[in-house]
């Protein structure tokens, strides 16, 4: 089986490599836009867009192809916090999140192409994150590391911001950007086992 990750995220690559999955990367090039405002609907829509783009032109192949599309957002209530535009935006996001509980949503789209036949499955996972309060100096220090700028919500749990994470309720890997256990459980529903994924 050929596996395609429709994402340019290095964190998602590492997570799939950790479980021994062999795959190639074909990141979506289109704009990330959705009409949905609720976080869980938005991530599922964006993940589906990425998977569809990566699957385009691959129908009719002799081999089975699995395309994995994913998108992650941070939400405080129903407000989606994307990647910060600049230092001021990163500071605003960190100010909102510090000392509070918020949620991280990752949507995953699984497209299975078998000749002309297509199976599609979309789901999301939600994880709650509680951050310790951050002083102004700590927020400025963290922004100065450069880490916030390619991360939803302006922080990366797997980087230096780990010192400000008080508690995680749910899947750590989901916060990093890909709920690999959830993906495997959903793939089993499509009849795919680990032997199919890790050749």
N, C-alpha and C. Protein backbone atom coordinates (compact mmCIF):
# COMPACT_ATOMS: atom_id res chain seq x y z
N UNK A 1 0.84 -1.19 0.00
CA UNK A 1 0.00 0.00 0.00
C UNK A 1 0.88 1.24 0.00
N UNK A 2 0.55 2.19 -0.85
CA UNK A 2 1.25 3.47 -0.88
C UNK A 2 0.53 4.42 0.05
N UNK A 3 1.28 5.14 0.90
CA UNK A 3 0.69 6.07 1.86
C UNK A 3 1.22 7.47 1.56
N UNK A 4 0.31 8.43 1.51
CA UNK A 4 0.67 9.82 1.22
C UNK A 4 0.20 10.69 2.38
N UNK A 5 1.11 11.46 2.94
CA UNK A 5 0.77 12.45 3.97
C UNK A 5 0.59 13.79 3.27
N UNK A 6 -0.62 14.32 3.32
CA UNK A 6 -0.93 15.59 2.66
C UNK A 6 -0.68 16.75 3.63
N UNK A 7 0.55 16.87 4.09
CA UNK A 7 0.90 17.90 5.06
C UNK A 7 2.38 18.20 4.97
N UNK A 8 2.73 19.48 5.13
CA UNK A 8 4.15 19.84 5.15
C UNK A 8 4.69 19.91 6.58
N UNK A 9 3.87 19.61 7.57
CA UNK A 9 4.28 19.72 8.97
C UNK A 9 5.36 18.69 9.33
N UNK A 10 6.53 19.15 9.76
CA UNK A 10 7.57 18.20 10.18
C UNK A 10 7.14 17.41 11.42
N UNK A 11 6.29 18.00 12.25
CA UNK A 11 5.84 17.30 13.46
C UNK A 11 4.97 16.10 13.10
N UNK A 12 4.13 16.25 12.10
CA UNK A 12 3.29 15.12 11.68
C UNK A 12 4.15 14.01 11.08
N UNK A 13 5.16 14.38 10.34
CA UNK A 13 6.07 13.37 9.78
C UNK A 13 6.72 12.55 10.88
N UNK A 14 7.22 13.24 11.90
CA UNK A 14 7.90 12.56 13.00
C UNK A 14 6.95 11.59 13.70
N UNK A 15 5.71 12.00 13.92
CA UNK A 15 4.75 11.13 14.60
C UNK A 15 4.47 9.87 13.80
N UNK A 16 4.32 10.00 12.48
CA UNK A 16 4.10 8.80 11.65
C UNK A 16 5.34 7.92 11.60
N UNK A 17 6.51 8.54 11.55
CA UNK A 17 7.75 7.76 11.56
C UNK A 17 7.93 7.01 12.88
N UNK A 18 7.50 7.61 13.99
CA UNK A 18 7.62 6.95 15.30
C UNK A 18 6.87 5.64 15.36
N UNK A 19 5.74 5.54 14.64
CA UNK A 19 4.99 4.29 14.68
C UNK A 19 5.42 3.34 13.55
N UNK A 20 6.45 3.73 12.80
CA UNK A 20 7.00 2.86 11.77
C UNK A 20 6.30 2.92 10.43
N UNK A 21 5.47 3.94 10.22
CA UNK A 21 4.74 4.05 8.96
C UNK A 21 5.67 4.53 7.86
N UNK A 22 5.58 3.90 6.69
CA UNK A 22 6.34 4.30 5.50
C UNK A 22 5.40 5.12 4.63
N UNK A 23 5.82 6.33 4.26
CA UNK A 23 4.93 7.23 3.53
C UNK A 23 5.75 8.23 2.72
N UNK A 24 5.07 8.88 1.80
CA UNK A 24 5.68 10.00 1.10
C UNK A 24 4.86 11.24 1.42
N UNK A 25 5.46 12.38 1.23
CA UNK A 25 4.81 13.65 1.57
C UNK A 25 4.41 14.37 0.29
N UNK A 26 3.15 14.77 0.23
CA UNK A 26 2.64 15.56 -0.90
C UNK A 26 1.76 16.65 -0.30
N UNK A 27 2.39 17.71 0.22
CA UNK A 27 1.60 18.74 0.91
C UNK A 27 0.66 19.48 -0.02
N UNK A 28 -0.49 19.81 0.52
CA UNK A 28 -1.46 20.61 -0.23
C UNK A 28 -0.88 22.01 -0.45
N UNK A 29 -1.14 22.56 -1.62
CA UNK A 29 -0.61 23.88 -1.96
C UNK A 29 -1.67 24.97 -1.90
N UNK A 30 -2.95 24.58 -1.81
CA UNK A 30 -4.04 25.54 -1.85
C UNK A 30 -4.16 26.37 -0.59
N UNK A 31 -5.04 27.36 -0.66
CA UNK A 31 -5.32 28.21 0.49
C UNK A 31 -6.07 27.42 1.56
N UNK A 32 -5.78 27.69 2.81
CA UNK A 32 -6.49 27.04 3.90
C UNK A 32 -7.65 27.93 4.31
N UNK A 33 -8.78 27.71 3.68
CA UNK A 33 -9.97 28.50 3.98
C UNK A 33 -11.15 27.57 4.20
N UNK A 34 -11.99 27.94 5.15
CA UNK A 34 -13.19 27.18 5.43
C UNK A 34 -14.33 28.13 5.77
N UNK A 35 -15.53 27.71 5.47
CA UNK A 35 -16.70 28.52 5.83
C UNK A 35 -17.19 28.19 7.23
N UNK A 36 -16.65 27.11 7.81
CA UNK A 36 -17.10 26.69 9.14
C UNK A 36 -16.46 27.53 10.23
N UNK A 37 -17.22 27.84 11.27
CA UNK A 37 -16.69 28.64 12.37
C UNK A 37 -16.48 27.82 13.64
N UNK A 38 -17.20 26.71 13.77
CA UNK A 38 -16.96 25.86 14.94
C UNK A 38 -15.67 25.10 14.72
N UNK A 39 -14.79 25.05 15.74
CA UNK A 39 -13.44 24.49 15.54
C UNK A 39 -13.43 23.07 15.00
N UNK A 40 -14.27 22.18 15.52
CA UNK A 40 -14.24 20.79 15.09
C UNK A 40 -14.71 20.64 13.64
N UNK A 41 -15.64 21.47 13.23
CA UNK A 41 -16.09 21.43 11.83
C UNK A 41 -15.01 22.00 10.90
N UNK A 42 -14.38 23.07 11.35
CA UNK A 42 -13.33 23.71 10.54
C UNK A 42 -12.17 22.76 10.29
N UNK A 43 -11.70 22.05 11.33
CA UNK A 43 -10.54 21.16 11.13
C UNK A 43 -10.88 19.98 10.24
N UNK A 44 -12.11 19.47 10.35
CA UNK A 44 -12.48 18.35 9.48
C UNK A 44 -12.57 18.81 8.02
N UNK A 45 -13.11 20.01 7.80
CA UNK A 45 -13.20 20.55 6.45
C UNK A 45 -11.81 20.79 5.87
N UNK A 46 -10.92 21.41 6.63
CA UNK A 46 -9.57 21.70 6.14
C UNK A 46 -8.79 20.42 5.87
N UNK A 47 -8.94 19.43 6.76
CA UNK A 47 -8.26 18.14 6.55
C UNK A 47 -8.75 17.47 5.28
N UNK A 48 -10.06 17.53 5.05
CA UNK A 48 -10.64 16.92 3.85
C UNK A 48 -10.14 17.62 2.59
N UNK A 49 -10.04 18.95 2.63
CA UNK A 49 -9.53 19.69 1.47
C UNK A 49 -8.12 19.24 1.13
N UNK A 50 -7.26 19.11 2.15
CA UNK A 50 -5.87 18.71 1.93
C UNK A 50 -5.79 17.31 1.34
N UNK A 51 -6.56 16.39 1.90
CA UNK A 51 -6.53 15.00 1.40
C UNK A 51 -7.04 14.92 -0.04
N UNK A 52 -8.12 15.64 -0.34
CA UNK A 52 -8.66 15.63 -1.71
C UNK A 52 -7.64 16.17 -2.71
N UNK A 53 -6.96 17.26 -2.33
CA UNK A 53 -5.96 17.83 -3.24
C UNK A 53 -4.84 16.83 -3.51
N UNK A 54 -4.37 16.16 -2.46
CA UNK A 54 -3.27 15.20 -2.63
C UNK A 54 -3.72 13.96 -3.41
N UNK A 55 -5.01 13.65 -3.36
CA UNK A 55 -5.54 12.46 -4.06
C UNK A 55 -5.87 12.74 -5.52
N UNK A 56 -5.98 14.01 -5.89
CA UNK A 56 -6.38 14.37 -7.25
C UNK A 56 -5.41 13.77 -8.27
N UNK A 57 -5.99 13.08 -9.26
CA UNK A 57 -5.19 12.49 -10.32
C UNK A 57 -4.61 11.14 -9.99
N UNK A 58 -4.92 10.61 -8.80
CA UNK A 58 -4.35 9.32 -8.41
C UNK A 58 -5.35 8.17 -8.56
N UNK A 59 -6.55 8.44 -9.05
CA UNK A 59 -7.52 7.35 -9.23
C UNK A 59 -7.10 6.49 -10.43
N UNK A 60 -7.56 5.26 -10.44
CA UNK A 60 -7.23 4.35 -11.52
C UNK A 60 -5.86 3.71 -11.39
N UNK A 61 -5.16 3.92 -10.26
CA UNK A 61 -3.85 3.32 -10.07
C UNK A 61 -4.00 1.82 -9.80
N UNK A 62 -2.96 1.08 -10.10
CA UNK A 62 -2.96 -0.37 -9.86
C UNK A 62 -2.85 -0.69 -8.38
N UNK A 63 -2.13 0.13 -7.63
CA UNK A 63 -1.93 -0.16 -6.21
C UNK A 63 -2.94 0.60 -5.36
N UNK A 64 -3.11 0.14 -4.12
CA UNK A 64 -3.97 0.82 -3.17
C UNK A 64 -3.21 2.02 -2.61
N UNK A 65 -3.89 3.16 -2.52
CA UNK A 65 -3.27 4.39 -2.01
C UNK A 65 -4.09 4.91 -0.84
N UNK A 66 -3.41 5.22 0.26
CA UNK A 66 -4.04 5.85 1.42
C UNK A 66 -3.51 7.27 1.52
N UNK A 67 -4.41 8.23 1.51
CA UNK A 67 -4.03 9.64 1.66
C UNK A 67 -4.50 10.11 3.03
N UNK A 68 -3.58 10.72 3.79
CA UNK A 68 -3.90 11.24 5.11
C UNK A 68 -3.79 12.75 5.08
N UNK A 69 -4.91 13.43 5.29
CA UNK A 69 -4.92 14.89 5.41
C UNK A 69 -5.22 15.25 6.85
N UNK A 70 -4.60 16.31 7.35
CA UNK A 70 -4.82 16.70 8.74
C UNK A 70 -4.72 18.21 8.90
N UNK A 71 -5.44 18.72 9.87
CA UNK A 71 -5.34 20.13 10.23
C UNK A 71 -5.58 20.26 11.72
N UNK A 72 -4.87 21.18 12.36
CA UNK A 72 -4.99 21.39 13.80
C UNK A 72 -5.26 22.85 14.10
N UNK A 73 -6.18 23.10 15.02
CA UNK A 73 -6.41 24.47 15.50
C UNK A 73 -6.46 24.48 17.01
N UNK A 74 -6.17 25.63 17.55
CA UNK A 74 -6.32 25.90 18.98
C UNK A 74 -7.54 26.79 19.13
N UNK A 75 -8.38 26.49 20.11
CA UNK A 75 -9.60 27.27 20.29
C UNK A 75 -9.79 27.63 21.76
N UNK A 76 -10.12 28.87 21.99
CA UNK A 76 -10.51 29.34 23.31
C UNK A 76 -12.00 29.64 23.20
N UNK A 77 -12.80 28.76 23.79
CA UNK A 77 -14.23 28.81 23.53
C UNK A 77 -14.43 28.44 22.07
N UNK A 78 -15.16 29.25 21.34
CA UNK A 78 -15.35 28.99 19.91
C UNK A 78 -14.42 29.84 19.04
N UNK A 79 -13.54 30.64 19.67
CA UNK A 79 -12.60 31.45 18.89
C UNK A 79 -11.42 30.60 18.45
N UNK A 80 -11.23 30.48 17.15
CA UNK A 80 -10.12 29.73 16.60
C UNK A 80 -8.89 30.63 16.55
N UNK A 81 -7.79 30.13 17.13
CA UNK A 81 -6.53 30.86 17.11
C UNK A 81 -5.60 30.15 16.14
N UNK A 82 -5.38 30.76 14.99
CA UNK A 82 -4.52 30.17 13.98
C UNK A 82 -3.06 30.49 14.25
N UNK A 83 -2.27 30.47 13.19
CA UNK A 83 -0.86 30.84 13.33
C UNK A 83 -0.76 32.35 13.44
N UNK A 84 0.04 32.86 14.36
CA UNK A 84 0.14 34.32 14.51
C UNK A 84 0.75 34.99 13.28
N UNK A 85 0.23 36.19 12.98
CA UNK A 85 0.71 36.95 11.83
C UNK A 85 2.05 37.63 12.11
N UNK A 86 2.23 38.03 13.38
CA UNK A 86 3.43 38.76 13.75
C UNK A 86 3.61 38.66 15.27
N UNK A 87 4.61 39.36 15.81
CA UNK A 87 4.89 39.30 17.25
C UNK A 87 3.71 39.79 18.08
N UNK A 88 3.06 40.83 17.63
CA UNK A 88 1.92 41.38 18.37
C UNK A 88 0.78 40.36 18.45
N UNK A 89 0.54 39.66 17.35
CA UNK A 89 -0.51 38.65 17.31
C UNK A 89 -0.14 37.47 18.21
N UNK A 90 1.13 37.07 18.19
CA UNK A 90 1.58 35.98 19.07
C UNK A 90 1.42 36.38 20.53
N UNK A 91 1.76 37.61 20.86
CA UNK A 91 1.61 38.09 22.24
C UNK A 91 0.14 38.07 22.64
N UNK A 92 -0.75 38.51 21.74
CA UNK A 92 -2.18 38.50 22.02
C UNK A 92 -2.68 37.08 22.32
N UNK A 93 -2.26 36.13 21.49
CA UNK A 93 -2.70 34.75 21.68
C UNK A 93 -2.19 34.17 22.99
N UNK A 94 -0.91 34.37 23.26
CA UNK A 94 -0.34 33.85 24.51
C UNK A 94 -1.00 34.50 25.72
N UNK A 95 -1.35 35.77 25.61
CA UNK A 95 -2.03 36.47 26.70
C UNK A 95 -3.41 35.87 26.96
N UNK A 96 -4.10 35.49 25.89
CA UNK A 96 -5.41 34.86 26.04
C UNK A 96 -5.30 33.47 26.67
N UNK A 97 -4.28 32.71 26.29
CA UNK A 97 -4.18 31.31 26.70
C UNK A 97 -3.54 31.11 28.06
N UNK A 98 -2.62 31.99 28.44
CA UNK A 98 -1.90 31.77 29.69
C UNK A 98 -2.85 31.83 30.88
N UNK A 99 -2.67 30.89 31.79
CA UNK A 99 -3.50 30.84 32.99
C UNK A 99 -4.90 30.32 32.75
N UNK A 100 -5.16 29.76 31.56
CA UNK A 100 -6.51 29.29 31.24
C UNK A 100 -6.47 27.86 30.69
N UNK A 101 -7.66 27.34 30.46
CA UNK A 101 -7.85 26.06 29.80
C UNK A 101 -8.37 26.34 28.39
N UNK A 102 -7.83 25.64 27.42
CA UNK A 102 -8.30 25.78 26.04
C UNK A 102 -8.28 24.41 25.38
N UNK A 103 -8.77 24.34 24.15
CA UNK A 103 -8.85 23.06 23.46
C UNK A 103 -8.06 23.09 22.16
N UNK A 104 -7.52 21.91 21.85
CA UNK A 104 -6.81 21.71 20.59
C UNK A 104 -7.60 20.66 19.81
N UNK A 105 -7.94 21.00 18.58
CA UNK A 105 -8.71 20.10 17.71
C UNK A 105 -7.85 19.73 16.51
N UNK A 106 -7.79 18.44 16.22
CA UNK A 106 -7.16 17.99 14.98
C UNK A 106 -8.18 17.20 14.19
N UNK A 107 -8.37 17.62 12.95
CA UNK A 107 -9.23 16.89 12.02
C UNK A 107 -8.37 16.03 11.14
N UNK A 108 -8.84 14.82 10.84
CA UNK A 108 -8.09 13.90 9.99
C UNK A 108 -9.03 13.37 8.91
N UNK A 109 -8.56 13.39 7.68
CA UNK A 109 -9.29 12.84 6.56
C UNK A 109 -8.49 11.68 6.00
N UNK A 110 -9.11 10.52 5.93
CA UNK A 110 -8.48 9.32 5.39
C UNK A 110 -9.17 8.98 4.07
N UNK A 111 -8.42 9.00 2.99
CA UNK A 111 -8.95 8.63 1.67
C UNK A 111 -8.24 7.36 1.23
N UNK A 112 -9.00 6.34 0.94
CA UNK A 112 -8.46 5.08 0.48
C UNK A 112 -8.87 4.88 -0.98
N UNK A 113 -7.88 4.90 -1.86
CA UNK A 113 -8.13 4.74 -3.29
C UNK A 113 -7.72 3.34 -3.69
N UNK A 114 -8.67 2.60 -4.24
CA UNK A 114 -8.42 1.24 -4.70
C UNK A 114 -8.93 1.16 -6.14
N UNK A 115 -8.06 1.46 -7.10
CA UNK A 115 -8.49 1.54 -8.50
C UNK A 115 -9.44 2.70 -8.66
N UNK A 116 -10.66 2.43 -9.07
CA UNK A 116 -11.67 3.47 -9.23
C UNK A 116 -12.50 3.67 -7.96
N UNK A 117 -12.31 2.80 -6.97
CA UNK A 117 -13.13 2.82 -5.77
C UNK A 117 -12.49 3.68 -4.69
N UNK A 118 -13.29 4.52 -4.06
CA UNK A 118 -12.79 5.43 -3.03
C UNK A 118 -13.57 5.27 -1.74
N UNK A 119 -12.84 5.05 -0.66
CA UNK A 119 -13.44 5.07 0.67
C UNK A 119 -12.94 6.33 1.36
N UNK A 120 -13.81 6.99 2.07
CA UNK A 120 -13.45 8.23 2.74
C UNK A 120 -13.94 8.20 4.18
N UNK A 121 -13.10 8.67 5.08
CA UNK A 121 -13.49 8.73 6.48
C UNK A 121 -12.86 9.98 7.09
N UNK A 122 -13.68 10.79 7.75
CA UNK A 122 -13.20 12.03 8.38
C UNK A 122 -13.61 12.02 9.85
N UNK A 123 -12.67 12.41 10.71
CA UNK A 123 -12.96 12.48 12.14
C UNK A 123 -12.11 13.58 12.77
N UNK A 124 -12.39 13.88 14.03
CA UNK A 124 -11.55 14.83 14.76
C UNK A 124 -11.32 14.32 16.17
N UNK A 125 -10.26 14.83 16.79
CA UNK A 125 -9.97 14.56 18.19
C UNK A 125 -9.83 15.91 18.89
N UNK A 126 -10.23 15.93 20.13
CA UNK A 126 -10.20 17.14 20.95
C UNK A 126 -9.38 16.86 22.21
N UNK A 127 -8.49 17.76 22.54
CA UNK A 127 -7.66 17.64 23.74
C UNK A 127 -7.70 18.97 24.49
N UNK A 128 -7.83 18.90 25.80
CA UNK A 128 -7.85 20.11 26.62
C UNK A 128 -6.45 20.35 27.18
N UNK A 129 -6.01 21.60 27.10
CA UNK A 129 -4.69 21.99 27.60
C UNK A 129 -4.87 23.13 28.59
N UNK A 130 -4.19 23.01 29.73
CA UNK A 130 -4.19 24.07 30.75
C UNK A 130 -2.79 24.64 30.82
N UNK A 131 -2.70 25.97 30.68
CA UNK A 131 -1.39 26.63 30.74
C UNK A 131 -1.22 27.37 32.07
N UNK A 132 0.00 27.32 32.58
CA UNK A 132 0.34 28.13 33.76
C UNK A 132 0.30 29.61 33.36
N UNK A 133 0.09 30.48 34.32
CA UNK A 133 0.21 31.91 34.02
C UNK A 133 1.63 32.23 33.53
N UNK A 134 1.72 33.17 32.59
CA UNK A 134 3.01 33.61 32.06
C UNK A 134 3.14 35.11 32.31
N UNK A 135 4.28 35.51 32.81
CA UNK A 135 4.51 36.95 32.99
C UNK A 135 4.73 37.58 31.62
N UNK A 136 4.70 38.90 31.57
CA UNK A 136 4.97 39.60 30.32
C UNK A 136 6.36 39.25 29.81
N UNK A 137 7.33 39.18 30.73
CA UNK A 137 8.70 38.85 30.33
C UNK A 137 8.78 37.44 29.75
N UNK A 138 8.03 36.50 30.33
CA UNK A 138 8.04 35.13 29.83
C UNK A 138 7.40 35.06 28.43
N UNK A 139 6.33 35.79 28.24
CA UNK A 139 5.70 35.81 26.92
C UNK A 139 6.67 36.40 25.90
N UNK A 140 7.32 37.51 26.22
CA UNK A 140 8.28 38.14 25.30
C UNK A 140 9.46 37.19 25.03
N UNK A 141 9.93 36.51 26.08
CA UNK A 141 11.03 35.57 25.90
C UNK A 141 10.62 34.47 24.93
N UNK A 142 9.44 33.89 25.13
CA UNK A 142 9.01 32.79 24.28
C UNK A 142 8.83 33.25 22.83
N UNK A 143 8.25 34.41 22.64
CA UNK A 143 8.09 34.94 21.28
C UNK A 143 9.46 35.14 20.63
N UNK A 144 10.44 35.58 21.43
CA UNK A 144 11.80 35.79 20.93
C UNK A 144 12.49 34.53 20.45
N UNK A 145 12.02 33.36 20.88
CA UNK A 145 12.61 32.10 20.41
C UNK A 145 12.23 31.81 18.95
N UNK A 146 11.18 32.46 18.46
CA UNK A 146 10.72 32.22 17.10
C UNK A 146 9.77 31.03 16.97
N UNK A 147 9.62 30.24 18.01
CA UNK A 147 8.77 29.05 17.95
C UNK A 147 7.29 29.34 17.66
N UNK A 148 6.72 30.44 18.16
CA UNK A 148 5.27 30.61 18.01
C UNK A 148 4.77 30.80 16.58
N UNK A 149 5.64 31.13 15.63
CA UNK A 149 5.16 31.66 14.36
C UNK A 149 4.65 30.63 13.36
N UNK A 150 4.95 29.37 13.54
CA UNK A 150 4.38 28.38 12.61
C UNK A 150 3.45 27.43 13.34
N UNK A 151 2.92 27.90 14.47
CA UNK A 151 2.09 27.02 15.30
C UNK A 151 0.75 27.66 15.61
N UNK A 152 -0.31 26.86 15.46
CA UNK A 152 -1.65 27.32 15.82
C UNK A 152 -1.68 27.73 17.27
N UNK A 153 -2.29 28.86 17.55
CA UNK A 153 -2.37 29.35 18.92
C UNK A 153 -1.10 30.01 19.41
N UNK A 154 -0.06 30.03 18.58
CA UNK A 154 1.18 30.72 18.94
C UNK A 154 2.06 29.97 19.92
N UNK A 155 1.85 28.65 20.07
CA UNK A 155 2.76 27.91 20.95
C UNK A 155 2.90 26.47 20.46
N UNK A 156 4.02 25.87 20.82
CA UNK A 156 4.27 24.47 20.50
C UNK A 156 4.55 23.71 21.78
N UNK A 157 3.72 22.74 22.07
CA UNK A 157 3.84 21.98 23.31
C UNK A 157 5.12 21.15 23.36
N UNK A 158 5.64 20.79 22.20
CA UNK A 158 6.82 19.94 22.15
C UNK A 158 8.12 20.75 22.18
N UNK A 159 8.00 22.07 22.27
CA UNK A 159 9.18 22.92 22.30
C UNK A 159 9.37 23.57 23.66
N UNK A 160 9.90 24.79 23.64
CA UNK A 160 10.21 25.50 24.88
C UNK A 160 8.97 25.86 25.69
N UNK A 161 7.82 25.94 25.02
CA UNK A 161 6.59 26.28 25.73
C UNK A 161 6.16 25.18 26.70
N UNK A 162 6.80 24.02 26.62
CA UNK A 162 6.48 22.91 27.51
C UNK A 162 6.58 23.31 28.99
N UNK A 163 7.43 24.28 29.29
CA UNK A 163 7.59 24.70 30.69
C UNK A 163 6.36 25.44 31.21
N UNK A 164 5.46 25.83 30.32
CA UNK A 164 4.25 26.55 30.73
C UNK A 164 2.99 25.69 30.68
N UNK A 165 3.15 24.42 30.32
CA UNK A 165 1.99 23.53 30.23
C UNK A 165 1.74 22.88 31.58
N UNK A 166 0.60 23.19 32.15
CA UNK A 166 0.26 22.66 33.47
C UNK A 166 -0.36 21.27 33.38
N UNK A 167 -1.26 21.08 32.40
CA UNK A 167 -1.97 19.81 32.34
C UNK A 167 -2.50 19.58 30.92
N UNK A 168 -2.54 18.31 30.54
CA UNK A 168 -3.14 17.90 29.27
C UNK A 168 -4.20 16.86 29.59
N UNK A 169 -5.40 17.10 29.12
CA UNK A 169 -6.49 16.14 29.30
C UNK A 169 -6.84 15.58 27.94
N UNK A 170 -6.27 14.43 27.63
CA UNK A 170 -6.49 13.83 26.32
C UNK A 170 -5.18 13.40 25.69
N UNK A 171 -5.13 13.37 24.38
CA UNK A 171 -4.03 12.82 23.61
C UNK A 171 -2.95 13.87 23.36
N UNK A 172 -1.76 13.64 23.91
CA UNK A 172 -0.62 14.54 23.72
C UNK A 172 -0.29 14.68 22.23
N UNK A 173 -0.29 13.56 21.51
CA UNK A 173 0.04 13.60 20.08
C UNK A 173 -0.94 14.44 19.29
N UNK A 174 -2.17 14.51 19.74
CA UNK A 174 -3.16 15.36 19.09
C UNK A 174 -2.74 16.82 19.18
N UNK A 175 -2.20 17.22 20.32
CA UNK A 175 -1.75 18.60 20.49
C UNK A 175 -0.53 18.87 19.60
N UNK A 176 0.33 17.89 19.44
CA UNK A 176 1.49 18.05 18.57
C UNK A 176 1.03 18.17 17.11
N UNK A 177 -0.10 17.54 16.76
CA UNK A 177 -0.63 17.74 15.42
C UNK A 177 -1.17 16.52 14.71
N UNK A 178 -1.10 15.33 15.33
CA UNK A 178 -1.62 14.15 14.65
C UNK A 178 -1.93 13.05 15.67
N UNK A 179 -3.20 12.74 15.87
CA UNK A 179 -3.57 11.70 16.83
C UNK A 179 -3.34 10.31 16.24
N UNK A 180 -2.09 9.82 16.29
CA UNK A 180 -1.74 8.59 15.59
C UNK A 180 -2.52 7.38 16.09
N UNK A 181 -2.80 7.31 17.38
CA UNK A 181 -3.60 6.19 17.89
C UNK A 181 -5.01 6.24 17.32
N UNK A 182 -5.58 7.44 17.26
CA UNK A 182 -6.91 7.60 16.68
C UNK A 182 -6.92 7.24 15.20
N UNK A 183 -5.86 7.61 14.48
CA UNK A 183 -5.78 7.26 13.06
C UNK A 183 -5.78 5.75 12.89
N UNK A 184 -4.97 5.05 13.68
CA UNK A 184 -4.90 3.60 13.54
C UNK A 184 -6.25 2.95 13.87
N UNK A 185 -6.90 3.42 14.92
CA UNK A 185 -8.20 2.85 15.28
C UNK A 185 -9.23 3.07 14.17
N UNK A 186 -9.19 4.23 13.53
CA UNK A 186 -10.12 4.51 12.45
C UNK A 186 -9.76 3.70 11.19
N UNK A 187 -8.46 3.51 10.93
CA UNK A 187 -8.05 2.70 9.79
C UNK A 187 -8.48 1.24 9.94
N UNK A 188 -8.47 0.74 11.17
CA UNK A 188 -8.92 -0.64 11.39
C UNK A 188 -10.38 -0.80 10.96
N UNK A 189 -11.19 0.26 11.13
CA UNK A 189 -12.58 0.20 10.69
C UNK A 189 -12.68 0.08 9.17
N UNK A 190 -11.62 0.54 8.46
CA UNK A 190 -11.59 0.44 7.00
C UNK A 190 -10.91 -0.86 6.55
N UNK A 191 -10.56 -1.72 7.52
CA UNK A 191 -9.94 -3.00 7.19
C UNK A 191 -8.44 -2.94 7.02
N UNK A 192 -7.80 -1.90 7.54
CA UNK A 192 -6.34 -1.74 7.39
C UNK A 192 -5.68 -2.02 8.73
N UNK A 193 -4.69 -2.90 8.73
CA UNK A 193 -3.95 -3.28 9.94
C UNK A 193 -2.52 -2.74 9.88
N UNK A 194 -1.78 -2.88 10.97
CA UNK A 194 -0.40 -2.36 11.05
C UNK A 194 0.49 -2.97 9.97
N UNK A 195 0.29 -4.24 9.65
CA UNK A 195 1.12 -4.86 8.61
C UNK A 195 0.97 -4.14 7.27
N UNK A 196 -0.22 -3.57 7.03
CA UNK A 196 -0.45 -2.84 5.78
C UNK A 196 0.25 -1.48 5.79
N UNK A 197 0.47 -0.92 6.98
CA UNK A 197 0.99 0.43 7.10
C UNK A 197 2.51 0.48 7.25
N UNK A 198 3.08 -0.55 7.83
CA UNK A 198 4.52 -0.54 8.17
C UNK A 198 5.22 -1.68 7.45
N UNK A 199 5.42 -1.51 6.15
CA UNK A 199 6.03 -2.58 5.35
C UNK A 199 7.53 -2.55 5.44
